[in-house]
Amino acid sequence: MRNIHDFEQLRSVSALLEAVWGRSEEGVPMNTDVLRSIVHAGGAVTGAYSSEGALVGAAALTPSVPSMASYSFIAAAQRGGSDAGIGYAIKMYQRSWALQNGFTTMSWTFDPLVSRNARFNLVKLGAIARVYEEAFYGQPTDEISGDDEADRLVACWALDSERAVRASAAINAALSPSAASDPTTEDALRPPADALMSARGPDGLPMTVSRTDSRWCRVPRDIVALRTSDPGQASAWRMAVREVFTDAFSAGLQATSMSRDSWYRLTPKGTV
């Protein structure tokens, strides 16, 4: 892992971002000039390299507002092969760099319908989402988002919080060859058996349930595939999830976790 300053190496980052995210009508996700400007403005462009020296992942962040905050623009890990933890390594490197440079929070946006990203952000990193942005990127044309409106959740990562430290410790323990899975922890992320259903999803199965002051919202297992196979149903999911989150956030809830079977948990602000 290292931060990149050289223009030609930044050109390689731009090429990797294009390989992962594809091109849109406006071109590559982030061109080399913009990456160079981010570095010059006091931000960081981070590269993850294989043992052979090949660039396999990258991310970019800049200072943000309020003070002591940073904003992560984009991240990508090379497609193909097994999950080598490249994305997690990049975020940990960004966290370390941010703390060393006086930033105590980091934020970014992610697609609320992509459950694996939600689990990565909320569970593996320990971020929290309290803001839902409708059509944040308008109607994108990249190769992953489809052609529907691009709603986004805003992840807020308190870098030096107990939650972030605890998440990091849990992941490091899980990476240990001798570590055993903890089903109790995973069960706590799923809706309890006595939760009351309040709505069904576009697939006809329970989508939102609640108990006392917590709610759970289910999203598709693979929205990227669904956007190709059934764009109409994918759009229906977006509208349904938009309604759930808009209502939940208005009621003072926050998204704090995602189960392996694609259930968000929404809890009152101040709880984790």
C-alpha atoms as a PDB file:
ATOM      1  CA  MET A   1       0.000   0.000   0.000  1.00  0.00           C
ATOM      2  CA  ARG A   2       1.272   3.488  -0.796  1.00  0.00           C
ATOM      3  CA  ASN A   3       0.066   6.955  -1.674  1.00  0.00           C
ATOM      4  CA  ILE A   4       0.728   7.994  -5.257  1.00  0.00           C
ATOM      5  CA  HIS A   5       2.060  11.351  -6.448  1.00  0.00           C
ATOM      6  CA  ASP A   6       3.719  10.609  -9.787  1.00  0.00           C
ATOM      7  CA  PHE A   7       1.584  11.595 -12.777  1.00  0.00           C
ATOM      8  CA  GLU A   8       2.269   8.418 -14.759  1.00  0.00           C
ATOM      9  CA  GLN A   9       1.350   6.245 -11.782  1.00  0.00           C
ATOM     10  CA  LEU A  10      -1.814   8.289 -11.355  1.00  0.00           C
ATOM     11  CA  ARG A  11      -2.573   7.499 -14.996  1.00  0.00           C
ATOM     12  CA  SER A  12      -2.479   3.801 -14.037  1.00  0.00           C
ATOM     13  CA  VAL A  13      -4.982   4.502 -11.245  1.00  0.00           C
ATOM     14  CA  SER A  14      -7.335   6.169 -13.719  1.00  0.00           C
ATOM     15  CA  ALA A  15      -7.038   3.133 -16.000  1.00  0.00           C
ATOM     16  CA  LEU A  16      -7.827   0.733 -13.147  1.00  0.00           C
ATOM     17  CA  LEU A  17     -10.894   2.756 -12.123  1.00  0.00           C
ATOM     18  CA  GLU A  18     -12.075   2.586 -15.727  1.00  0.00           C
ATOM     19  CA  ALA A  19     -11.496  -1.182 -15.846  1.00  0.00           C
ATOM     20  CA  VAL A  20     -13.631  -1.716 -12.727  1.00  0.00           C
ATOM     21  CA  TRP A  21     -16.368   0.909 -13.154  1.00  0.00           C
ATOM     22  CA  GLY A  22     -16.415   1.135 -16.942  1.00  0.00           C
ATOM     23  CA  ARG A  23     -16.957   4.280 -18.988  1.00  0.00           C
ATOM     24  CA  SER A  24     -19.994   6.521 -19.043  1.00  0.00           C
ATOM     25  CA  GLU A  25     -21.157   9.027 -21.635  1.00  0.00           C
ATOM     26  CA  GLU A  26     -18.826  11.524 -19.940  1.00  0.00           C
ATOM     27  CA  GLY A  27     -15.797   9.259 -20.133  1.00  0.00           C
ATOM     28  CA  VAL A  28     -13.696   7.602 -17.418  1.00  0.00           C
ATOM     29  CA  PRO A  29     -14.778   7.648 -13.738  1.00  0.00           C
ATOM     30  CA  MET A  30     -11.884   9.924 -12.746  1.00  0.00           C
ATOM     31  CA  ASN A  31      -9.217  11.204 -15.110  1.00  0.00           C
ATOM     32  CA  THR A  32      -5.549  11.684 -14.284  1.00  0.00           C
ATOM     33  CA  ASP A  33      -5.742  15.478 -14.091  1.00  0.00           C
ATOM     34  CA  VAL A  34      -8.421  15.289 -11.397  1.00  0.00           C
ATOM     35  CA  LEU A  35      -6.426  12.722  -9.422  1.00  0.00           C
ATOM     36  CA  ARG A  36      -3.373  14.961  -9.592  1.00  0.00           C
ATOM     37  CA  SER A  37      -5.437  17.916  -8.347  1.00  0.00           C
ATOM     38  CA  ILE A  38      -6.728  15.866  -5.414  1.00  0.00           C
ATOM     39  CA  VAL A  39      -3.160  15.139  -4.319  1.00  0.00           C
ATOM     40  CA  HIS A  40      -2.152  18.774  -4.796  1.00  0.00           C
ATOM     41  CA  ALA A  41      -5.119  19.930  -2.684  1.00  0.00           C
ATOM     42  CA  GLY A  42      -3.912  17.905   0.298  1.00  0.00           C
ATOM     43  CA  GLY A  43      -5.802  14.705  -0.370  1.00  0.00           C
ATOM     44  CA  ALA A  44      -4.488  11.217  -1.015  1.00  0.00           C
ATOM     45  CA  VAL A  45      -4.636   8.768  -3.895  1.00  0.00           C
ATOM     46  CA  THR A  46      -3.826   5.323  -2.529  1.00  0.00           C
ATOM     47  CA  GLY A  47      -2.672   2.344  -4.554  1.00  0.00           C
ATOM     48  CA  ALA A  48      -2.694  -1.311  -3.559  1.00  0.00           C
ATOM     49  CA  TYR A  49       0.012  -3.369  -5.256  1.00  0.00           C
ATOM     50  CA  SER A  50       0.492  -7.111  -5.585  1.00  0.00           C
ATOM     51  CA  SER A  51       3.754  -8.787  -4.591  1.00  0.00           C
ATOM     52  CA  GLU A  52       4.674  -8.646  -8.300  1.00  0.00           C
ATOM     53  CA  GLY A  53       4.230  -4.878  -8.332  1.00  0.00           C
ATOM     54  CA  ALA A  54       0.926  -4.772 -10.245  1.00  0.00           C
ATOM     55  CA  LEU A  55      -1.669  -2.178  -9.270  1.00  0.00           C
ATOM     56  CA  VAL A  56      -4.696  -4.158  -7.984  1.00  0.00           C
ATOM     57  CA  GLY A  57      -6.730  -1.510  -6.150  1.00  0.00           C
ATOM     58  CA  ALA A  58      -6.997   2.235  -5.623  1.00  0.00           C
ATOM     59  CA  ALA A  59      -8.951   4.940  -3.817  1.00  0.00           C
ATOM     60  CA  ALA A  60      -8.979   8.729  -3.553  1.00  0.00           C
ATOM     61  CA  LEU A  61      -9.957  11.060  -0.704  1.00  0.00           C
ATOM     62  CA  THR A  62      -9.778  14.771   0.068  1.00  0.00           C
ATOM     63  CA  PRO A  63     -10.246  17.066   3.070  1.00  0.00           C
ATOM     64  CA  SER A  64     -13.920  17.812   3.636  1.00  0.00           C
ATOM     65  CA  VAL A  65     -16.188  19.918   5.826  1.00  0.00           C
ATOM     66  CA  PRO A  66     -16.569  20.304   8.734  1.00  0.00           C
ATOM     67  CA  SER A  67     -12.951  20.490   9.927  1.00  0.00           C
ATOM     68  CA  MET A  68     -11.207  17.215  10.795  1.00  0.00           C
ATOM     69  CA  ALA A  69     -13.336  15.466   8.151  1.00  0.00           C
ATOM     70  CA  SER A  70     -12.336  13.689   4.948  1.00  0.00           C
ATOM     71  CA  TYR A  71     -14.307  12.550   1.923  1.00  0.00           C
ATOM     72  CA  SER A  72     -13.579   9.390  -0.058  1.00  0.00           C
ATOM     73  CA  PHE A  73     -14.409   9.941  -3.742  1.00  0.00           C
ATOM     74  CA  ILE A  74     -13.974   6.535  -5.271  1.00  0.00           C
ATOM     75  CA  ALA A  75     -12.497   3.110  -4.584  1.00  0.00           C
ATOM     76  CA  ALA A  76     -11.975   0.025  -6.708  1.00  0.00           C
ATOM     77  CA  ALA A  77     -10.338  -3.375  -6.529  1.00  0.00           C
ATOM     78  CA  GLN A  78      -9.317  -5.380  -9.552  1.00  0.00           C
ATOM     79  CA  ARG A  79     -11.985  -7.748 -10.825  1.00  0.00           C
ATOM     80  CA  GLY A  80     -11.545 -11.495 -10.957  1.00  0.00           C
ATOM     81  CA  GLY A  81     -10.042 -14.075  -8.622  1.00  0.00           C
ATOM     82  CA  SER A  82     -10.868 -14.622  -4.983  1.00  0.00           C
ATOM     83  CA  ASP A  83     -11.520 -11.859  -2.469  1.00  0.00           C
ATOM     84  CA  ALA A  84      -8.039 -11.035  -1.252  1.00  0.00           C
ATOM     85  CA  GLY A  85      -9.219  -8.255   1.064  1.00  0.00           C
ATOM     86  CA  ILE A  86      -7.899  -5.502  -1.211  1.00  0.00           C
ATOM     87  CA  GLY A  87     -10.801  -3.151  -0.527  1.00  0.00           C
ATOM     88  CA  TYR A  88     -10.476  -3.607   3.226  1.00  0.00           C
ATOM     89  CA  ALA A  89      -6.720  -3.017   3.105  1.00  0.00           C
ATOM     90  CA  ILE A  90      -7.258   0.198   1.151  1.00  0.00           C
ATOM     91  CA  LYS A  91      -9.801   1.529   3.651  1.00  0.00           C
ATOM     92  CA  MET A  92      -7.531   0.673   6.589  1.00  0.00           C
ATOM     93  CA  TYR A  93      -4.671   2.510   4.886  1.00  0.00           C
ATOM     94  CA  GLN A  94      -6.932   5.498   4.227  1.00  0.00           C
ATOM     95  CA  ARG A  95      -8.028   5.443   7.884  1.00  0.00           C
ATOM     96  CA  SER A  96      -4.435   5.441   9.090  1.00  0.00           C
ATOM     97  CA  TRP A  97      -3.458   8.260   6.722  1.00  0.00           C
ATOM     98  CA  ALA A  98      -6.490  10.341   7.709  1.00  0.00           C
ATOM     99  CA  LEU A  99      -5.829   9.993  11.442  1.00  0.00           C
ATOM    100  CA  GLN A 100      -2.151  10.845  10.987  1.00  0.00           C
ATOM    101  CA  ASN A 101      -3.194  14.000   9.131  1.00  0.00           C
ATOM    102  CA  GLY A 102      -5.712  15.142  11.725  1.00  0.00           C
ATOM    103  CA  PHE A 103      -8.941  13.837  10.170  1.00  0.00           C
ATOM    104  CA  THR A 104     -11.257  12.026  12.591  1.00  0.00           C
ATOM    105  CA  THR A 105     -14.147  11.217  10.248  1.00  0.00           C
ATOM    106  CA  MET A 106     -14.480   9.976   6.684  1.00  0.00           C
ATOM    107  CA  SER A 107     -17.614   9.934   4.555  1.00  0.00           C
ATOM    108  CA  TRP A 108     -18.601   8.585   1.152  1.00  0.00           C
ATOM    109  CA  THR A 109     -21.714   7.433  -0.661  1.00  0.00           C
ATOM    110  CA  PHE A 110     -22.786   3.939  -1.678  1.00  0.00           C
ATOM    111  CA  ASP A 111     -25.694   2.288  -3.470  1.00  0.00           C
ATOM    112  CA  PRO A 112     -28.242   1.244  -0.801  1.00  0.00           C
ATOM    113  CA  LEU A 113     -29.341  -1.700  -2.948  1.00  0.00           C
ATOM    114  CA  VAL A 114     -25.893  -3.331  -3.145  1.00  0.00           C
ATOM    115  CA  SER A 115     -25.966  -5.452   0.004  1.00  0.00           C
ATOM    116  CA  ARG A 116     -22.330  -6.583  -0.123  1.00  0.00           C
ATOM    117  CA  ASN A 117     -21.175  -2.957  -0.114  1.00  0.00           C
ATOM    118  CA  ALA A 118     -23.533  -2.123   2.729  1.00  0.00           C
ATOM    119  CA  ARG A 119     -22.168  -5.026   4.781  1.00  0.00           C
ATOM    120  CA  PHE A 120     -18.598  -3.967   4.043  1.00  0.00           C
ATOM    121  CA  ASN A 121     -19.244  -0.355   5.069  1.00  0.00           C
ATOM    122  CA  LEU A 122     -21.462  -0.897   8.108  1.00  0.00           C
ATOM    123  CA  VAL A 123     -20.158  -4.169   9.546  1.00  0.00           C
ATOM    124  CA  LYS A 124     -16.555  -4.600   8.436  1.00  0.00           C
ATOM    125  CA  LEU A 125     -15.622  -0.930   8.774  1.00  0.00           C
ATOM    126  CA  GLY A 126     -18.072   0.171  11.452  1.00  0.00           C
ATOM    127  CA  ALA A 127     -19.503   3.143   9.550  1.00  0.00           C
ATOM    128  CA  ILE A 128     -23.070   4.403  10.080  1.00  0.00           C
ATOM    129  CA  ALA A 129     -25.563   5.838   7.559  1.00  0.00           C
ATOM    130  CA  ARG A 130     -27.975   8.600   8.593  1.00  0.00           C
ATOM    131  CA  VAL A 131     -28.591  10.376   5.274  1.00  0.00           C
ATOM    132  CA  TYR A 132     -30.367   9.115   2.139  1.00  0.00           C
ATOM    133  CA  GLU A 133     -29.739  11.068  -1.073  1.00  0.00           C
ATOM    134  CA  GLU A 134     -32.313  10.660  -3.836  1.00  0.00           C
ATOM    135  CA  ALA A 135     -30.914  10.576  -7.391  1.00  0.00           C
ATOM    136  CA  PHE A 136     -27.520  11.652  -6.040  1.00  0.00           C
ATOM    137  CA  TYR A 137     -25.849  10.951  -9.414  1.00  0.00           C
ATOM    138  CA  GLY A 138     -28.961  11.607 -11.473  1.00  0.00           C
ATOM    139  CA  GLN A 139     -29.484   8.832 -13.993  1.00  0.00           C
ATOM    140  CA  PRO A 140     -25.987   7.404 -14.566  1.00  0.00           C
ATOM    141  CA  THR A 141     -24.753   5.544 -17.614  1.00  0.00           C
ATOM    142  CA  ASP A 142     -21.836   3.545 -16.196  1.00  0.00           C
ATOM    143  CA  GLU A 143     -21.631  -0.222 -16.582  1.00  0.00           C
ATOM    144  CA  ILE A 144     -22.557  -1.086 -12.957  1.00  0.00           C
ATOM    145  CA  SER A 145     -25.323   1.309 -11.904  1.00  0.00           C
ATOM    146  CA  GLY A 146     -27.755   0.554 -14.722  1.00  0.00           C
ATOM    147  CA  ASP A 147     -29.905   3.319 -16.193  1.00  0.00           C
ATOM    148  CA  ASP A 148     -32.220   3.951 -13.213  1.00  0.00           C
ATOM    149  CA  GLU A 149     -31.856   6.920 -10.843  1.00  0.00           C
ATOM    150  CA  ALA A 150     -28.799   6.543  -8.625  1.00  0.00           C
ATOM    151  CA  ASP A 151     -29.922   6.904  -5.003  1.00  0.00           C
ATOM    152  CA  ARG A 152     -27.157   6.813  -2.393  1.00  0.00           C
ATOM    153  CA  LEU A 153     -26.701   6.290   1.315  1.00  0.00           C
ATOM    154  CA  VAL A 154     -24.067   8.484   2.952  1.00  0.00           C
ATOM    155  CA  ALA A 155     -21.644   6.483   5.086  1.00  0.00           C
ATOM    156  CA  CYS A 156     -20.077   8.316   8.023  1.00  0.00           C
ATOM    157  CA  TRP A 157     -17.038   6.607   9.533  1.00  0.00           C
ATOM    158  CA  ALA A 158     -15.870   7.907  12.919  1.00  0.00           C
ATOM    159  CA  LEU A 159     -12.262   6.817  12.495  1.00  0.00           C
ATOM    160  CA  ASP A 160     -11.222   6.843  16.146  1.00  0.00           C
ATOM    161  CA  SER A 161     -14.530   5.624  17.593  1.00  0.00           C
ATOM    162  CA  GLU A 162     -14.939   2.503  19.700  1.00  0.00           C
ATOM    163  CA  ARG A 163     -17.237   1.119  16.999  1.00  0.00           C
ATOM    164  CA  ALA A 164     -14.572   1.458  14.289  1.00  0.00           C
ATOM    165  CA  VAL A 165     -11.880  -0.026  16.513  1.00  0.00           C
ATOM    166  CA  ARG A 166     -14.168  -2.893  17.488  1.00  0.00           C
ATOM    167  CA  ALA A 167     -15.024  -3.631  13.838  1.00  0.00           C
ATOM    168  CA  SER A 168     -11.352  -3.638  12.915  1.00  0.00           C
ATOM    169  CA  ALA A 169     -10.495  -5.996  15.767  1.00  0.00           C
ATOM    170  CA  ALA A 170     -13.305  -8.359  14.769  1.00  0.00           C
ATOM    171  CA  ILE A 171     -12.135  -8.502  11.148  1.00  0.00           C
ATOM    172  CA  ASN A 172      -8.525  -9.065  12.152  1.00  0.00           C
ATOM    173  CA  ALA A 173      -9.636 -11.904  14.406  1.00  0.00           C
ATOM    174  CA  ALA A 174     -11.717 -13.406  11.609  1.00  0.00           C
ATOM    175  CA  LEU A 175      -8.690 -13.333   9.309  1.00  0.00           C
ATOM    176  CA  SER A 176      -6.776 -15.502  11.762  1.00  0.00           C
ATOM    177  CA  PRO A 177      -6.424 -19.097  10.496  1.00  0.00           C
ATOM    178  CA  SER A 178      -7.591 -20.399  13.885  1.00  0.00           C
ATOM    179  CA  ALA A 179     -10.631 -18.128  14.126  1.00  0.00           C
ATOM    180  CA  ALA A 180     -14.061 -19.730  14.352  1.00  0.00           C
ATOM    181  CA  SER A 181     -17.233 -18.080  13.067  1.00  0.00           C
ATOM    182  CA  ASP A 182     -19.488 -16.399  15.605  1.00  0.00           C
ATOM    183  CA  PRO A 183     -23.096 -17.269  14.696  1.00  0.00           C
ATOM    184  CA  THR A 184     -24.431 -15.283  17.663  1.00  0.00           C
ATOM    185  CA  THR A 185     -23.053 -12.072  16.191  1.00  0.00           C
ATOM    186  CA  GLU A 186     -24.537 -12.814  12.758  1.00  0.00           C
ATOM    187  CA  ASP A 187     -27.895 -13.785  14.265  1.00  0.00           C
ATOM    188  CA  ALA A 188     -28.015 -10.415  16.013  1.00  0.00           C
ATOM    189  CA  LEU A 189     -27.967  -8.692  12.607  1.00  0.00           C
ATOM    190  CA  ARG A 190     -31.042 -10.515  11.310  1.00  0.00           C
ATOM    191  CA  PRO A 191     -34.664  -9.693  12.189  1.00  0.00           C
ATOM    192  CA  PRO A 192     -35.815 -11.578  15.325  1.00  0.00           C
ATOM    193  CA  ALA A 193     -38.513 -14.194  14.975  1.00  0.00           C
ATOM    194  CA  ASP A 194     -41.071 -12.036  16.783  1.00  0.00           C
ATOM    195  CA  ALA A 195     -40.561  -8.971  14.580  1.00  0.00           C
ATOM    196  CA  LEU A 196     -43.735  -7.673  12.944  1.00  0.00           C
ATOM    197  CA  MET A 197     -43.861  -7.411   9.157  1.00  0.00           C
ATOM    198  CA  SER A 198     -45.031  -4.055   7.787  1.00  0.00           C
ATOM    199  CA  ALA A 199     -44.408  -4.414   4.042  1.00  0.00           C
ATOM    200  CA  ARG A 200     -43.490  -6.888   1.315  1.00  0.00           C
ATOM    201  CA  GLY A 201     -40.877  -6.294  -1.351  1.00  0.00           C
ATOM    202  CA  PRO A 202     -41.362  -6.311  -5.123  1.00  0.00           C
ATOM    203  CA  ASP A 203     -40.616 -10.049  -5.026  1.00  0.00           C
ATOM    204  CA  GLY A 204     -43.600 -10.661  -2.730  1.00  0.00           C
ATOM    205  CA  LEU A 205     -41.490 -11.622   0.303  1.00  0.00           C
ATOM    206  CA  PRO A 206     -41.241  -9.694   3.594  1.00  0.00           C
ATOM    207  CA  MET A 207     -39.214  -6.528   3.138  1.00  0.00           C
ATOM    208  CA  THR A 208     -39.670  -4.429   6.280  1.00  0.00           C
ATOM    209  CA  VAL A 209     -40.194  -5.677   9.828  1.00  0.00           C
ATOM    210  CA  SER A 210     -39.927  -3.999  13.209  1.00  0.00           C
ATOM    211  CA  ARG A 211     -39.708  -4.688  16.940  1.00  0.00           C
ATOM    212  CA  THR A 212     -39.776  -2.067  19.712  1.00  0.00           C
ATOM    213  CA  ASP A 213     -37.545   0.759  18.448  1.00  0.00           C
ATOM    214  CA  SER A 214     -35.645  -1.106  15.708  1.00  0.00           C
ATOM    215  CA  ARG A 215     -36.528  -1.775  12.078  1.00  0.00           C
ATOM    216  CA  TRP A 216     -35.107  -4.086   9.442  1.00  0.00           C
ATOM    217  CA  CYS A 217     -35.209  -3.578   5.673  1.00  0.00           C
ATOM    218  CA  ARG A 218     -34.365  -6.289   3.152  1.00  0.00           C
ATOM    219  CA  VAL A 219     -32.753  -5.561  -0.222  1.00  0.00           C
ATOM    220  CA  PRO A 220     -32.053  -7.925  -3.153  1.00  0.00           C
ATOM    221  CA  ARG A 221     -29.144 -10.341  -2.879  1.00  0.00           C
ATOM    222  CA  ASP A 222     -27.759  -9.201  -6.257  1.00  0.00           C
ATOM    223  CA  ILE A 223     -29.228  -5.949  -7.539  1.00  0.00           C
ATOM    224  CA  VAL A 224     -26.550  -5.658 -10.252  1.00  0.00           C
ATOM    225  CA  ALA A 225     -27.768  -8.895 -11.878  1.00  0.00           C
ATOM    226  CA  LEU A 226     -31.405  -7.902 -11.361  1.00  0.00           C
ATOM    227  CA  ARG A 227     -30.847  -4.602 -13.166  1.00  0.00           C
ATOM    228  CA  THR A 228     -29.891  -6.645 -16.207  1.00  0.00           C
ATOM    229  CA  SER A 229     -32.477  -9.422 -15.963  1.00  0.00           C
ATOM    230  CA  ASP A 230     -35.473  -7.365 -14.778  1.00  0.00           C
ATOM    231  CA  PRO A 231     -34.913  -3.586 -14.839  1.00  0.00           C
ATOM    232  CA  GLY A 232     -38.537  -2.931 -13.904  1.00  0.00           C
ATOM    233  CA  GLN A 233     -38.318  -4.912 -10.683  1.00  0.00           C
ATOM    234  CA  ALA A 234     -34.933  -3.360  -9.884  1.00  0.00           C
ATOM    235  CA  SER A 235     -36.489   0.102 -10.195  1.00  0.00           C
ATOM    236  CA  ALA A 236     -39.395  -0.998  -7.988  1.00  0.00           C
ATOM    237  CA  TRP A 237     -36.881  -2.056  -5.329  1.00  0.00           C
ATOM    238  CA  ARG A 238     -35.213   1.345  -5.485  1.00  0.00           C
ATOM    239  CA  MET A 239     -38.487   3.165  -4.929  1.00  0.00           C
ATOM    240  CA  ALA A 240     -39.513   0.840  -2.103  1.00  0.00           C
ATOM    241  CA  VAL A 241     -36.162   1.120  -0.322  1.00  0.00           C
ATOM    242  CA  ARG A 242     -36.146   4.900  -0.838  1.00  0.00           C
ATOM    243  CA  GLU A 243     -39.486   5.110   0.975  1.00  0.00           C
ATOM    244  CA  VAL A 244     -38.313   2.937   3.871  1.00  0.00           C
ATOM    245  CA  PHE A 245     -35.109   4.873   4.474  1.00  0.00           C
ATOM    246  CA  THR A 246     -36.665   8.303   4.022  1.00  0.00           C
ATOM    247  CA  ASP A 247     -39.299   7.459   6.613  1.00  0.00           C
ATOM    248  CA  ALA A 248     -36.809   5.798   8.984  1.00  0.00           C
ATOM    249  CA  PHE A 249     -34.316   8.661   8.902  1.00  0.00           C
ATOM    250  CA  SER A 250     -37.122  11.177   9.428  1.00  0.00           C
ATOM    251  CA  ALA A 251     -38.067   9.193  12.520  1.00  0.00           C
ATOM    252  CA  GLY A 252     -34.533   9.533  13.929  1.00  0.00           C
ATOM    253  CA  LEU A 253     -33.200   6.104  12.973  1.00  0.00           C
ATOM    254  CA  GLN A 254     -29.814   5.230  11.445  1.00  0.00           C
ATOM    255  CA  ALA A 255     -28.524   2.249   9.453  1.00  0.00           C
ATOM    256  CA  THR A 256     -26.009   0.348  11.566  1.00  0.00           C
ATOM    257  CA  SER A 257     -25.622  -3.126  10.052  1.00  0.00           C
ATOM    258  CA  MET A 258     -26.327  -5.505   7.181  1.00  0.00           C
ATOM    259  CA  SER A 259     -26.767  -9.263   7.576  1.00  0.00           C
ATOM    260  CA  ARG A 260     -25.368 -11.834   5.170  1.00  0.00           C
ATOM    261  CA  ASP A 261     -28.894 -12.442   3.873  1.00  0.00           C
ATOM    262  CA  SER A 262     -29.361  -8.761   2.961  1.00  0.00           C
ATOM    263  CA  TRP A 263     -31.226  -7.229   5.923  1.00  0.00           C
ATOM    264  CA  TYR A 264     -30.370  -3.705   7.026  1.00  0.00           C
ATOM    265  CA  ARG A 265     -30.869  -2.946  10.700  1.00  0.00           C
ATOM    266  CA  LEU A 266     -32.055   0.567  11.572  1.00  0.00           C
ATOM    267  CA  THR A 267     -31.685   1.715  15.180  1.00  0.00           C
ATOM    268  CA  PRO A 268     -32.209   5.006  17.068  1.00  0.00           C
ATOM    269  CA  LYS A 269     -29.447   7.576  16.732  1.00  0.00           C
ATOM    270  CA  GLY A 270     -26.936   7.232  19.533  1.00  0.00           C
ATOM    271  CA  THR A 271     -27.052   3.428  19.489  1.00  0.00           C
ATOM    272  CA  VAL A 272     -24.663   1.152  17.616  1.00  0.00           C
END
